Amino acid sequence: MNKFKKLLAATVITVLGVSGVVYAADFKTPAEISAALTGKSIAEVNQERSGGKTYGTIAKEAGKLDEFKAQMLEQKKAILDQRVKDGKMTQQQADQILASINTNLASFP
């Protein structure tokens, strides 16, 4: 099951990553969100990330995990909505990806 989650996460990241490039001007990176929520600089957050922590873990340690998840989900929903609107994916595909994202966010410790 762990391999499945990693594969699913990689697929979602790839799909959203490609679309994120197109719409990057409208969205914040996970580092920017984590930094804003924790009061740390982006450099500090990235240093922690390079030390092995995820952006979610950094937010969790600051007591801001729920806010981090909400902002990440909001951005991902907006990207999926735009891709459906642009005809680059079907609503069914977007719904499947969103369900996977919700599952992954819910299972984050």
PDB file of N, CA and C in Angstrom:
ATOM      1  N   MET A   1       0.823  -1.196   0.000  1.00  0.00           N
ATOM      2  CA  MET A   1       0.000   0.000   0.000  1.00  0.00           C
ATOM      3  C   MET A   1       0.868   1.261   0.000  1.00  0.00           C
ATOM      4  N   ASN A   2       1.998   1.210   0.677  1.00  0.00           N
ATOM      5  CA  ASN A   2       2.883   2.368   0.736  1.00  0.00           C
ATOM      6  C   ASN A   2       3.410   2.727  -0.651  1.00  0.00           C
ATOM      7  N   LYS A   3       3.746   1.719  -1.452  1.00  0.00           N
ATOM      8  CA  LYS A   3       4.214   1.985  -2.812  1.00  0.00           C
ATOM      9  C   LYS A   3       3.104   2.627  -3.633  1.00  0.00           C
ATOM     10  N   PHE A   4       1.870   2.163  -3.420  1.00  0.00           N
ATOM     11  CA  PHE A   4       0.731   2.724  -4.138  1.00  0.00           C
ATOM     12  C   PHE A   4       0.577   4.204  -3.805  1.00  0.00           C
ATOM     13  N   LYS A   5       0.670   4.547  -2.520  1.00  0.00           N
ATOM     14  CA  LYS A   5       0.529   5.949  -2.112  1.00  0.00           C
ATOM     15  C   LYS A   5       1.623   6.812  -2.727  1.00  0.00           C
ATOM     16  N   LYS A   6       2.847   6.283  -2.757  1.00  0.00           N
ATOM     17  CA  LYS A   6       3.947   7.044  -3.345  1.00  0.00           C
ATOM     18  C   LYS A   6       3.725   7.249  -4.836  1.00  0.00           C
ATOM     19  N   LEU A   7       3.267   6.205  -5.514  1.00  0.00           N
ATOM     20  CA  LEU A   7       3.000   6.321  -6.948  1.00  0.00           C
ATOM     21  C   LEU A   7       1.870   7.307  -7.199  1.00  0.00           C
ATOM     22  N   LEU A   8       0.827   7.217  -6.402  1.00  0.00           N
ATOM     23  CA  LEU A   8      -0.304   8.126  -6.544  1.00  0.00           C
ATOM     24  C   LEU A   8       0.126   9.565  -6.275  1.00  0.00           C
ATOM     25  N   ALA A   9       0.899   9.753  -5.237  1.00  0.00           N
ATOM     26  CA  ALA A   9       1.379  11.101  -4.917  1.00  0.00           C
ATOM     27  C   ALA A   9       2.254  11.651  -6.042  1.00  0.00           C
ATOM     28  N   ALA A  10       3.110  10.806  -6.582  1.00  0.00           N
ATOM     29  CA  ALA A  10       3.972  11.239  -7.687  1.00  0.00           C
ATOM     30  C   ALA A  10       3.143  11.627  -8.902  1.00  0.00           C
ATOM     31  N   THR A  11       2.092  10.866  -9.172  1.00  0.00           N
ATOM     32  CA  THR A  11       1.211  11.167 -10.303  1.00  0.00           C
ATOM     33  C   THR A  11       0.505  12.500 -10.096  1.00  0.00           C
ATOM     34  N   VAL A  12      -0.025  12.690  -8.904  1.00  0.00           N
ATOM     35  CA  VAL A  12      -0.732  13.938  -8.598  1.00  0.00           C
ATOM     36  C   VAL A  12       0.227  15.119  -8.683  1.00  0.00           C
ATOM     37  N   ILE A  13       1.412  14.957  -8.129  1.00  0.00           N
ATOM     38  CA  ILE A  13       2.396  16.039  -8.165  1.00  0.00           C
ATOM     39  C   ILE A  13       2.780  16.363  -9.595  1.00  0.00           C
ATOM     40  N   THR A  14       2.928  15.334 -10.415  1.00  0.00           N
ATOM     41  CA  THR A  14       3.279  15.556 -11.823  1.00  0.00           C
ATOM     42  C   THR A  14       2.183  16.327 -12.536  1.00  0.00           C
ATOM     43  N   VAL A  15       0.942  15.882 -12.360  1.00  0.00           N
ATOM     44  CA  VAL A  15      -0.181  16.547 -13.028  1.00  0.00           C
ATOM     45  C   VAL A  15      -0.297  17.987 -12.548  1.00  0.00           C
ATOM     46  N   LEU A  16      -0.253  18.171 -11.241  1.00  0.00           N
ATOM     47  CA  LEU A  16      -0.401  19.516 -10.709  1.00  0.00           C
ATOM     48  C   LEU A  16       0.847  20.355 -10.936  1.00  0.00           C
ATOM     49  N   GLY A  17       1.993  19.710 -10.942  1.00  0.00           N
ATOM     50  CA  GLY A  17       3.232  20.434 -11.184  1.00  0.00           C
ATOM     51  C   GLY A  17       3.276  21.042 -12.563  1.00  0.00           C
ATOM     52  N   VAL A  18       2.872  20.278 -13.556  1.00  0.00           N
ATOM     53  CA  VAL A  18       2.846  20.781 -14.930  1.00  0.00           C
ATOM     54  C   VAL A  18       1.869  21.936 -15.041  1.00  0.00           C
ATOM     55  N   SER A  19       0.691  21.757 -14.470  1.00  0.00           N
ATOM     56  CA  SER A  19      -0.292  22.834 -14.560  1.00  0.00           C
ATOM     57  C   SER A  19       0.120  24.001 -13.675  1.00  0.00           C
ATOM     58  N   GLY A  20       0.834  23.706 -12.591  1.00  0.00           N
ATOM     59  CA  GLY A  20       1.281  24.765 -11.697  1.00  0.00           C
ATOM     60  C   GLY A  20       2.239  25.717 -12.370  1.00  0.00           C
ATOM     61  N   VAL A  21       3.007  25.220 -13.319  1.00  0.00           N
ATOM     62  CA  VAL A  21       3.943  26.074 -14.050  1.00  0.00           C
ATOM     63  C   VAL A  21       3.173  27.122 -14.831  1.00  0.00           C
ATOM     64  N   VAL A  22       2.080  26.706 -15.429  1.00  0.00           N
ATOM     65  CA  VAL A  22       1.272  27.615 -16.232  1.00  0.00           C
ATOM     66  C   VAL A  22       0.624  28.692 -15.361  1.00  0.00           C
ATOM     67  N   TYR A  23       0.170  28.300 -14.177  1.00  0.00           N
ATOM     68  CA  TYR A  23      -0.569  29.221 -13.330  1.00  0.00           C
ATOM     69  C   TYR A  23       0.228  29.678 -12.116  1.00  0.00           C
ATOM     70  N   ALA A  24       1.545  29.521 -12.177  1.00  0.00           N
ATOM     71  CA  ALA A  24       2.396  29.777 -11.017  1.00  0.00           C
ATOM     72  C   ALA A  24       2.270  31.205 -10.489  1.00  0.00           C
ATOM     73  N   ALA A  25       1.988  32.144 -11.343  1.00  0.00           N
ATOM     74  CA  ALA A  25       1.919  33.533 -10.911  1.00  0.00           C
ATOM     75  C   ALA A  25       0.799  33.764  -9.903  1.00  0.00           C
ATOM     76  N   ASP A  26      -0.223  32.918  -9.939  1.00  0.00           N
ATOM     77  CA  ASP A  26      -1.366  33.092  -9.064  1.00  0.00           C
ATOM     78  C   ASP A  26      -1.254  32.312  -7.757  1.00  0.00           C
ATOM     79  N   PHE A  27      -0.263  31.464  -7.617  1.00  0.00           N
ATOM     80  CA  PHE A  27      -0.193  30.562  -6.486  1.00  0.00           C
ATOM     81  C   PHE A  27       1.119  30.672  -5.737  1.00  0.00           C
ATOM     82  N   LYS A  28       1.067  30.272  -4.462  1.00  0.00           N
ATOM     83  CA  LYS A  28       2.259  30.239  -3.631  1.00  0.00           C
ATOM     84  C   LYS A  28       2.824  28.820  -3.626  1.00  0.00           C
ATOM     85  N   THR A  29       4.123  28.726  -3.452  1.00  0.00           N
ATOM     86  CA  THR A  29       4.757  27.422  -3.324  1.00  0.00           C
ATOM     87  C   THR A  29       4.490  26.888  -1.914  1.00  0.00           C
ATOM     88  N   PRO A  30       4.660  25.576  -1.728  1.00  0.00           N
ATOM     89  CA  PRO A  30       4.532  25.038  -0.364  1.00  0.00           C
ATOM     90  C   PRO A  30       5.503  25.717   0.607  1.00  0.00           C
ATOM     91  N   ALA A  31       6.684  26.070   0.122  1.00  0.00           N
ATOM     92  CA  ALA A  31       7.650  26.768   0.982  1.00  0.00           C
ATOM     93  C   ALA A  31       7.113  28.130   1.401  1.00  0.00           C
ATOM     94  N   GLU A  32       6.511  28.851   0.463  1.00  0.00           N
ATOM     95  CA  GLU A  32       5.960  30.175   0.777  1.00  0.00           C
ATOM     96  C   GLU A  32       4.804  30.071   1.777  1.00  0.00           C
ATOM     97  N   ILE A  33       3.964  29.073   1.588  1.00  0.00           N
ATOM     98  CA  ILE A  33       2.833  28.881   2.510  1.00  0.00           C
ATOM     99  C   ILE A  33       3.346  28.536   3.897  1.00  0.00           C
ATOM    100  N   SER A  34       4.262  27.581   3.954  1.00  0.00           N
ATOM    101  CA  SER A  34       4.820  27.159   5.237  1.00  0.00           C
ATOM    102  C   SER A  34       5.513  28.320   5.948  1.00  0.00           C
ATOM    103  N   ALA A  35       6.277  29.089   5.204  1.00  0.00           N
ATOM    104  CA  ALA A  35       6.979  30.232   5.792  1.00  0.00           C
ATOM    105  C   ALA A  35       5.989  31.264   6.329  1.00  0.00           C
ATOM    106  N   ALA A  36       4.979  31.578   5.548  1.00  0.00           N
ATOM    107  CA  ALA A  36       4.000  32.580   5.978  1.00  0.00           C
ATOM    108  C   ALA A  36       3.253  32.123   7.235  1.00  0.00           C
ATOM    109  N   LEU A  37       2.930  30.848   7.311  1.00  0.00           N
ATOM    110  CA  LEU A  37       2.183  30.339   8.461  1.00  0.00           C
ATOM    111  C   LEU A  37       3.032  30.234   9.722  1.00  0.00           C
ATOM    112  N   THR A  38       4.306  29.953   9.546  1.00  0.00           N
ATOM    113  CA  THR A  38       5.170  29.731  10.707  1.00  0.00           C
ATOM    114  C   THR A  38       5.924  30.975  11.154  1.00  0.00           C
ATOM    115  N   GLY A  39       5.919  32.006  10.311  1.00  0.00           N
ATOM    116  CA  GLY A  39       6.666  33.213  10.643  1.00  0.00           C
ATOM    117  C   GLY A  39       8.149  33.091  10.351  1.00  0.00           C
ATOM    118  N   LYS A  40       8.529  32.032   9.649  1.00  0.00           N
ATOM    119  CA  LYS A  40       9.926  31.831   9.274  1.00  0.00           C
ATOM    120  C   LYS A  40      10.151  32.390   7.875  1.00  0.00           C
ATOM    121  N   SER A  41      11.413  32.567   7.531  1.00  0.00           N
ATOM    122  CA  SER A  41      11.720  32.987   6.169  1.00  0.00           C
ATOM    123  C   SER A  41      11.653  31.771   5.251  1.00  0.00           C
ATOM    124  N   ILE A  42      11.541  32.028   3.967  1.00  0.00           N
ATOM    125  CA  ILE A  42      11.543  30.936   2.995  1.00  0.00           C
ATOM    126  C   ILE A  42      12.871  30.195   3.062  1.00  0.00           C
ATOM    127  N   ALA A  43      13.955  30.922   3.267  1.00  0.00           N
ATOM    128  CA  ALA A  43      15.277  30.289   3.377  1.00  0.00           C
ATOM    129  C   ALA A  43      15.331  29.340   4.572  1.00  0.00           C
ATOM    130  N   GLU A  44      14.764  29.756   5.696  1.00  0.00           N
ATOM    131  CA  GLU A  44      14.743  28.890   6.883  1.00  0.00           C
ATOM    132  C   GLU A  44      13.924  27.628   6.637  1.00  0.00           C
ATOM    133  N   VAL A  45      12.772  27.809   6.018  1.00  0.00           N
ATOM    134  CA  VAL A  45      11.904  26.667   5.722  1.00  0.00           C
ATOM    135  C   VAL A  45      12.599  25.718   4.746  1.00  0.00           C
ATOM    136  N   ASN A  46      13.226  26.273   3.726  1.00  0.00           N
ATOM    137  CA  ASN A  46      13.926  25.433   2.753  1.00  0.00           C
ATOM    138  C   ASN A  46      15.116  24.704   3.376  1.00  0.00           C
ATOM    139  N   GLN A  47      15.769  25.345   4.323  1.00  0.00           N
ATOM    140  CA  GLN A  47      16.879  24.689   5.020  1.00  0.00           C
ATOM    141  C   GLN A  47      16.354  23.497   5.829  1.00  0.00           C
ATOM    142  N   GLU A  48      15.231  23.687   6.516  1.00  0.00           N
ATOM    143  CA  GLU A  48      14.627  22.577   7.259  1.00  0.00           C
ATOM    144  C   GLU A  48      14.203  21.464   6.297  1.00  0.00           C
ATOM    145  N   ARG A  49      13.685  21.868   5.153  1.00  0.00           N
ATOM    146  CA  ARG A  49      13.251  20.899   4.146  1.00  0.00           C
ATOM    147  C   ARG A  49      14.444  20.091   3.639  1.00  0.00           C
ATOM    148  N   SER A  50      15.554  20.743   3.396  1.00  0.00           N
ATOM    149  CA  SER A  50      16.735  20.027   2.920  1.00  0.00           C
ATOM    150  C   SER A  50      17.306  19.115   4.003  1.00  0.00           C
ATOM    151  N   GLY A  51      16.926  19.364   5.255  1.00  0.00           N
ATOM    152  CA  GLY A  51      17.333  18.512   6.359  1.00  0.00           C
ATOM    153  C   GLY A  51      16.443  17.301   6.541  1.00  0.00           C
ATOM    154  N   GLY A  52      15.435  17.161   5.669  1.00  0.00           N
ATOM    155  CA  GLY A  52      14.598  15.972   5.700  1.00  0.00           C
ATOM    156  C   GLY A  52      13.158  16.179   6.128  1.00  0.00           C
ATOM    157  N   LYS A  53      12.809  17.359   6.581  1.00  0.00           N
ATOM    158  CA  LYS A  53      11.421  17.611   6.986  1.00  0.00           C
ATOM    159  C   LYS A  53      10.580  17.973   5.764  1.00  0.00           C
ATOM    160  N   THR A  54       9.313  17.620   5.817  1.00  0.00           N
ATOM    161  CA  THR A  54       8.400  18.073   4.776  1.00  0.00           C
ATOM    162  C   THR A  54       7.867  19.449   5.171  1.00  0.00           C
ATOM    163  N   TYR A  55       7.292  20.156   4.208  1.00  0.00           N
ATOM    164  CA  TYR A  55       6.690  21.453   4.526  1.00  0.00           C
ATOM    165  C   TYR A  55       5.523  21.258   5.498  1.00  0.00           C
ATOM    166  N   GLY A  56       4.814  20.156   5.332  1.00  0.00           N
ATOM    167  CA  GLY A  56       3.719  19.847   6.255  1.00  0.00           C
ATOM    168  C   GLY A  56       4.219  19.621   7.674  1.00  0.00           C
ATOM    169  N   THR A  57       5.326  18.940   7.814  1.00  0.00           N
ATOM    170  CA  THR A  57       5.901  18.707   9.139  1.00  0.00           C
ATOM    171  C   THR A  57       6.329  20.025   9.777  1.00  0.00           C
ATOM    172  N   ILE A  58       6.897  20.889   8.978  1.00  0.00           N
ATOM    173  CA  ILE A  58       7.315  22.207   9.486  1.00  0.00           C
ATOM    174  C   ILE A  58       6.101  22.978   9.987  1.00  0.00           C
ATOM    175  N   ALA A  59       5.021  22.937   9.223  1.00  0.00           N
ATOM    176  CA  ALA A  59       3.787  23.603   9.643  1.00  0.00           C
ATOM    177  C   ALA A  59       3.208  22.941  10.889  1.00  0.00           C
ATOM    178  N   LYS A  60       3.249  21.629  10.932  1.00  0.00           N
ATOM    179  CA  LYS A  60       2.715  20.889  12.081  1.00  0.00           C
ATOM    180  C   LYS A  60       3.456  21.255  13.359  1.00  0.00           C
ATOM    181  N   GLU A  61       4.772  21.335  13.275  1.00  0.00           N
ATOM    182  CA  GLU A  61       5.576  21.679  14.447  1.00  0.00           C
ATOM    183  C   GLU A  61       5.259  23.079  14.962  1.00  0.00           C
ATOM    184  N   ALA A  62       4.760  23.926  14.094  1.00  0.00           N
ATOM    185  CA  ALA A  62       4.379  25.291  14.491  1.00  0.00           C
ATOM    186  C   ALA A  62       2.903  25.375  14.873  1.00  0.00           C
ATOM    187  N   GLY A  63       2.208  24.233  14.865  1.00  0.00           N
ATOM    188  CA  GLY A  63       0.781  24.230  15.200  1.00  0.00           C
ATOM    189  C   GLY A  63      -0.091  24.778  14.089  1.00  0.00           C
ATOM    190  N   LYS A  64       0.397  24.728  12.855  1.00  0.00           N
ATOM    191  CA  LYS A  64      -0.313  25.316  11.717  1.00  0.00           C
ATOM    192  C   LYS A  64      -0.643  24.296  10.622  1.00  0.00           C
ATOM    193  N   LEU A  65      -0.680  23.020  10.965  1.00  0.00           N
ATOM    194  CA  LEU A  65      -0.889  21.992   9.951  1.00  0.00           C
ATOM    195  C   LEU A  65      -2.245  22.128   9.258  1.00  0.00           C
ATOM    196  N   ASP A  66      -3.297  22.367  10.026  1.00  0.00           N
ATOM    197  CA  ASP A  66      -4.629  22.485   9.406  1.00  0.00           C
ATOM    198  C   ASP A  66      -4.683  23.641   8.413  1.00  0.00           C
ATOM    199  N   GLU A  67      -4.070  24.759   8.765  1.00  0.00           N
ATOM    200  CA  GLU A  67      -4.049  25.901   7.862  1.00  0.00           C
ATOM    201  C   GLU A  67      -3.226  25.596   6.616  1.00  0.00           C
ATOM    202  N   PHE A  68      -2.098  24.905   6.810  1.00  0.00           N
ATOM    203  CA  PHE A  68      -1.245  24.525   5.677  1.00  0.00           C
ATOM    204  C   PHE A  68      -2.022  23.617   4.724  1.00  0.00           C
ATOM    205  N   LYS A  69      -2.675  22.600   5.264  1.00  0.00           N
ATOM    206  CA  LYS A  69      -3.454  21.678   4.430  1.00  0.00           C
ATOM    207  C   LYS A  69      -4.551  22.428   3.673  1.00  0.00           C
ATOM    208  N   ALA A  70      -5.242  23.321   4.363  1.00  0.00           N
ATOM    209  CA  ALA A  70      -6.346  24.060   3.736  1.00  0.00           C
ATOM    210  C   ALA A  70      -5.850  24.920   2.576  1.00  0.00           C
ATOM    211  N   GLN A  71      -4.725  25.601   2.767  1.00  0.00           N
ATOM    212  CA  GLN A  71      -4.203  26.455   1.699  1.00  0.00           C
ATOM    213  C   GLN A  71      -3.693  25.631   0.520  1.00  0.00           C
ATOM    214  N   MET A  72      -3.041  24.519   0.812  1.00  0.00           N
ATOM    215  CA  MET A  72      -2.565  23.650  -0.266  1.00  0.00           C
ATOM    216  C   MET A  72      -3.751  23.075  -1.040  1.00  0.00           C
ATOM    217  N   LEU A  73      -4.780  22.629  -0.337  1.00  0.00           N
ATOM    218  CA  LEU A  73      -5.956  22.062  -0.990  1.00  0.00           C
ATOM    219  C   LEU A  73      -6.664  23.112  -1.840  1.00  0.00           C
ATOM    220  N   GLU A  74      -6.788  24.311  -1.337  1.00  0.00           N
ATOM    221  CA  GLU A  74      -7.438  25.395  -2.078  1.00  0.00           C
ATOM    222  C   GLU A  74      -6.718  25.651  -3.404  1.00  0.00           C
ATOM    223  N   GLN A  75      -5.405  25.701  -3.348  1.00  0.00           N
ATOM    224  CA  GLN A  75      -4.629  25.941  -4.571  1.00  0.00           C
ATOM    225  C   GLN A  75      -4.772  24.782  -5.557  1.00  0.00           C
ATOM    226  N   LYS A  76      -4.709  23.565  -5.054  1.00  0.00           N
ATOM    227  CA  LYS A  76      -4.807  22.401  -5.936  1.00  0.00           C
ATOM    228  C   LYS A  76      -6.192  22.322  -6.578  1.00  0.00           C
ATOM    229  N   LYS A  77      -7.224  22.650  -5.807  1.00  0.00           N
ATOM    230  CA  LYS A  77      -8.582  22.688  -6.370  1.00  0.00           C
ATOM    231  C   LYS A  77      -8.664  23.721  -7.498  1.00  0.00           C
ATOM    232  N   ALA A  78      -8.085  24.883  -7.279  1.00  0.00           N
ATOM    233  CA  ALA A  78      -8.115  25.949  -8.291  1.00  0.00           C
ATOM    234  C   ALA A  78      -7.396  25.509  -9.561  1.00  0.00           C
ATOM    235  N   ILE A  79      -6.267  24.825  -9.414  1.00  0.00           N
ATOM    236  CA  ILE A  79      -5.520  24.341 -10.578  1.00  0.00           C
ATOM    237  C   ILE A  79      -6.348  23.311 -11.340  1.00  0.00           C
ATOM    238  N   LEU A  80      -6.946  22.369 -10.602  1.00  0.00           N
ATOM    239  CA  LEU A  80      -7.779  21.355 -11.259  1.00  0.00           C
ATOM    240  C   LEU A  80      -8.973  21.990 -11.961  1.00  0.00           C
ATOM    241  N   ASP A  81      -9.624  22.943 -11.301  1.00  0.00           N
ATOM    242  CA  ASP A  81     -10.774  23.629 -11.910  1.00  0.00           C
ATOM    243  C   ASP A  81     -10.369  24.314 -13.210  1.00  0.00           C
ATOM    244  N   GLN A  82      -9.212  24.953 -13.208  1.00  0.00           N
ATOM    245  CA  GLN A  82      -8.741  25.635 -14.407  1.00  0.00           C
ATOM    246  C   GLN A  82      -8.436  24.643 -15.520  1.00  0.00           C
ATOM    247  N   ARG A  83      -7.831  23.514 -15.169  1.00  0.00           N
ATOM    248  CA  ARG A  83      -7.513  22.495 -16.183  1.00  0.00           C
ATOM    249  C   ARG A  83      -8.788  21.932 -16.809  1.00  0.00           C
ATOM    250  N   VAL A  84      -9.833  21.751 -15.995  1.00  0.00           N
ATOM    251  CA  VAL A  84     -11.118  21.292 -16.537  1.00  0.00           C
ATOM    252  C   VAL A  84     -11.691  22.370 -17.447  1.00  0.00           C
ATOM    253  N   LYS A  85     -11.666  23.601 -16.990  1.00  0.00           N
ATOM    254  CA  LYS A  85     -12.184  24.726 -17.773  1.00  0.00           C
ATOM    255  C   LYS A  85     -11.460  24.857 -19.111  1.00  0.00           C
ATOM    256  N   ASP A  86     -10.142  24.616 -19.100  1.00  0.00           N
ATOM    257  CA  ASP A  86      -9.339  24.710 -20.319  1.00  0.00           C
ATOM    258  C   ASP A  86      -9.459  23.477 -21.215  1.00  0.00           C
ATOM    259  N   GLY A  87     -10.198  22.474 -20.759  1.00  0.00           N
ATOM    260  CA  GLY A  87     -10.374  21.258 -21.544  1.00  0.00           C
ATOM    261  C   GLY A  87      -9.174  20.327 -21.519  1.00  0.00           C
ATOM    262  N   LYS A  88      -8.299  20.501 -20.554  1.00  0.00           N
ATOM    263  CA  LYS A  88      -7.095  19.673 -20.479  1.00  0.00           C
ATOM    264  C   LYS A  88      -7.320  18.395 -19.685  1.00  0.00           C
ATOM    265  N   MET A  89      -8.443  18.324 -18.983  1.00  0.00           N
ATOM    266  CA  MET A  89      -8.838  17.096 -18.291  1.00  0.00           C
ATOM    267  C   MET A  89     -10.343  17.138 -18.084  1.00  0.00           C
ATOM    268  N   THR A  90     -10.896  15.983 -17.835  1.00  0.00           N
ATOM    269  CA  THR A  90     -12.331  15.919 -17.599  1.00  0.00           C
ATOM    270  C   THR A  90     -12.617  16.204 -16.135  1.00  0.00           C
ATOM    271  N   GLN A  91     -13.874  16.506 -15.839  1.00  0.00           N
ATOM    272  CA  GLN A  91     -14.260  16.721 -14.446  1.00  0.00           C
ATOM    273  C   GLN A  91     -14.055  15.436 -13.651  1.00  0.00           C
ATOM    274  N   GLN A  92     -14.313  14.288 -14.293  1.00  0.00           N
ATOM    275  CA  GLN A  92     -14.118  13.007 -13.612  1.00  0.00           C
ATOM    276  C   GLN A  92     -12.645  12.806 -13.225  1.00  0.00           C
ATOM    277  N   GLN A  93     -11.739  13.142 -14.125  1.00  0.00           N
ATOM    278  CA  GLN A  93     -10.314  13.032 -13.805  1.00  0.00           C
ATOM    279  C   GLN A  93      -9.945  13.971 -12.652  1.00  0.00           C
ATOM    280  N   ALA A  94     -10.450  15.185 -12.708  1.00  0.00           N
ATOM    281  CA  ALA A  94     -10.173  16.150 -11.639  1.00  0.00           C
ATOM    282  C   ALA A  94     -10.718  15.650 -10.309  1.00  0.00           C
ATOM    283  N   ASP A  95     -11.925  15.077 -10.333  1.00  0.00           N
ATOM    284  CA  ASP A  95     -12.526  14.559  -9.107  1.00  0.00           C
ATOM    285  C   ASP A  95     -11.706  13.408  -8.529  1.00  0.00           C
ATOM    286  N   GLN A  96     -11.174  12.561  -9.401  1.00  0.00           N
ATOM    287  CA  GLN A  96     -10.347  11.438  -8.934  1.00  0.00           C
ATOM    288  C   GLN A  96      -9.056  11.953  -8.290  1.00  0.00           C
ATOM    289  N   ILE A  97      -8.435  12.921  -8.922  1.00  0.00           N
ATOM    290  CA  ILE A  97      -7.203  13.495  -8.368  1.00  0.00           C
ATOM    291  C   ILE A  97      -7.501  14.176  -7.036  1.00  0.00           C
ATOM    292  N   LEU A  98      -8.590  14.926  -6.987  1.00  0.00           N
ATOM    293  CA  LEU A  98      -8.952  15.616  -5.756  1.00  0.00           C
ATOM    294  C   LEU A  98      -9.240  14.618  -4.641  1.00  0.00           C
ATOM    295  N   ALA A  99      -9.891  13.512  -4.961  1.00  0.00           N
ATOM    296  CA  ALA A  99     -10.143  12.480  -3.949  1.00  0.00           C
ATOM    297  C   ALA A  99      -8.835  11.921  -3.414  1.00  0.00           C
ATOM    298  N   SER A 100      -7.873  11.718  -4.297  1.00  0.00           N
ATOM    299  CA  SER A 100      -6.558  11.223  -3.871  1.00  0.00           C
ATOM    300  C   SER A 100      -5.844  12.239  -2.993  1.00  0.00           C
ATOM    301  N   ILE A 101      -5.939  13.486  -3.371  1.00  0.00           N
ATOM    302  CA  ILE A 101      -5.312  14.542  -2.574  1.00  0.00           C
ATOM    303  C   ILE A 101      -5.937  14.582  -1.182  1.00  0.00           C
ATOM    304  N   ASN A 102      -7.252  14.523  -1.118  1.00  0.00           N
ATOM    305  CA  ASN A 102      -7.945  14.541   0.177  1.00  0.00           C
ATOM    306  C   ASN A 102      -7.537  13.359   1.042  1.00  0.00           C
ATOM    307  N   THR A 103      -7.412  12.191   0.424  1.00  0.00           N
ATOM    308  CA  THR A 103      -6.980  10.993   1.158  1.00  0.00           C
ATOM    309  C   THR A 103      -5.582  11.187   1.710  1.00  0.00           C
ATOM    310  N   ASN A 104      -4.680  11.687   0.879  1.00  0.00           N
ATOM    311  CA  ASN A 104      -3.305  11.916   1.332  1.00  0.00           C
ATOM    312  C   ASN A 104      -3.238  12.965   2.438  1.00  0.00           C
ATOM    313  N   LEU A 105      -4.006  14.037   2.313  1.00  0.00           N
ATOM    314  CA  LEU A 105      -3.994  15.064   3.350  1.00  0.00           C
ATOM    315  C   LEU A 105      -4.570  14.534   4.652  1.00  0.00           C
ATOM    316  N   ALA A 106      -5.602  13.718   4.562  1.00  0.00           N
ATOM    317  CA  ALA A 106      -6.233  13.170   5.767  1.00  0.00           C
ATOM    318  C   ALA A 106      -5.311  12.196   6.492  1.00  0.00           C
ATOM    319  N   SER A 107      -4.465  11.510   5.754  1.00  0.00           N
ATOM    320  CA  SER A 107      -3.598  10.514   6.374  1.00  0.00           C
ATOM    321  C   SER A 107      -2.281  11.102   6.878  1.00  0.00           C
ATOM    322  N   PHE A 108      -2.056  12.385   6.652  1.00  0.00           N
ATOM    323  CA  PHE A 108      -0.822  13.004   7.129  1.00  0.00           C
ATOM    324  C   PHE A 108      -0.864  13.060   8.649  1.00  0.00           C
ATOM    325  N   PRO A 109       0.184  12.562   9.299  1.00  0.00           N
ATOM    326  CA  PRO A 109       0.163  12.505  10.785  1.00  0.00           C
ATOM    327  C   PRO A 109       0.094  13.838  11.467  1.00  0.00           C
TER     328      PRO A 109
END
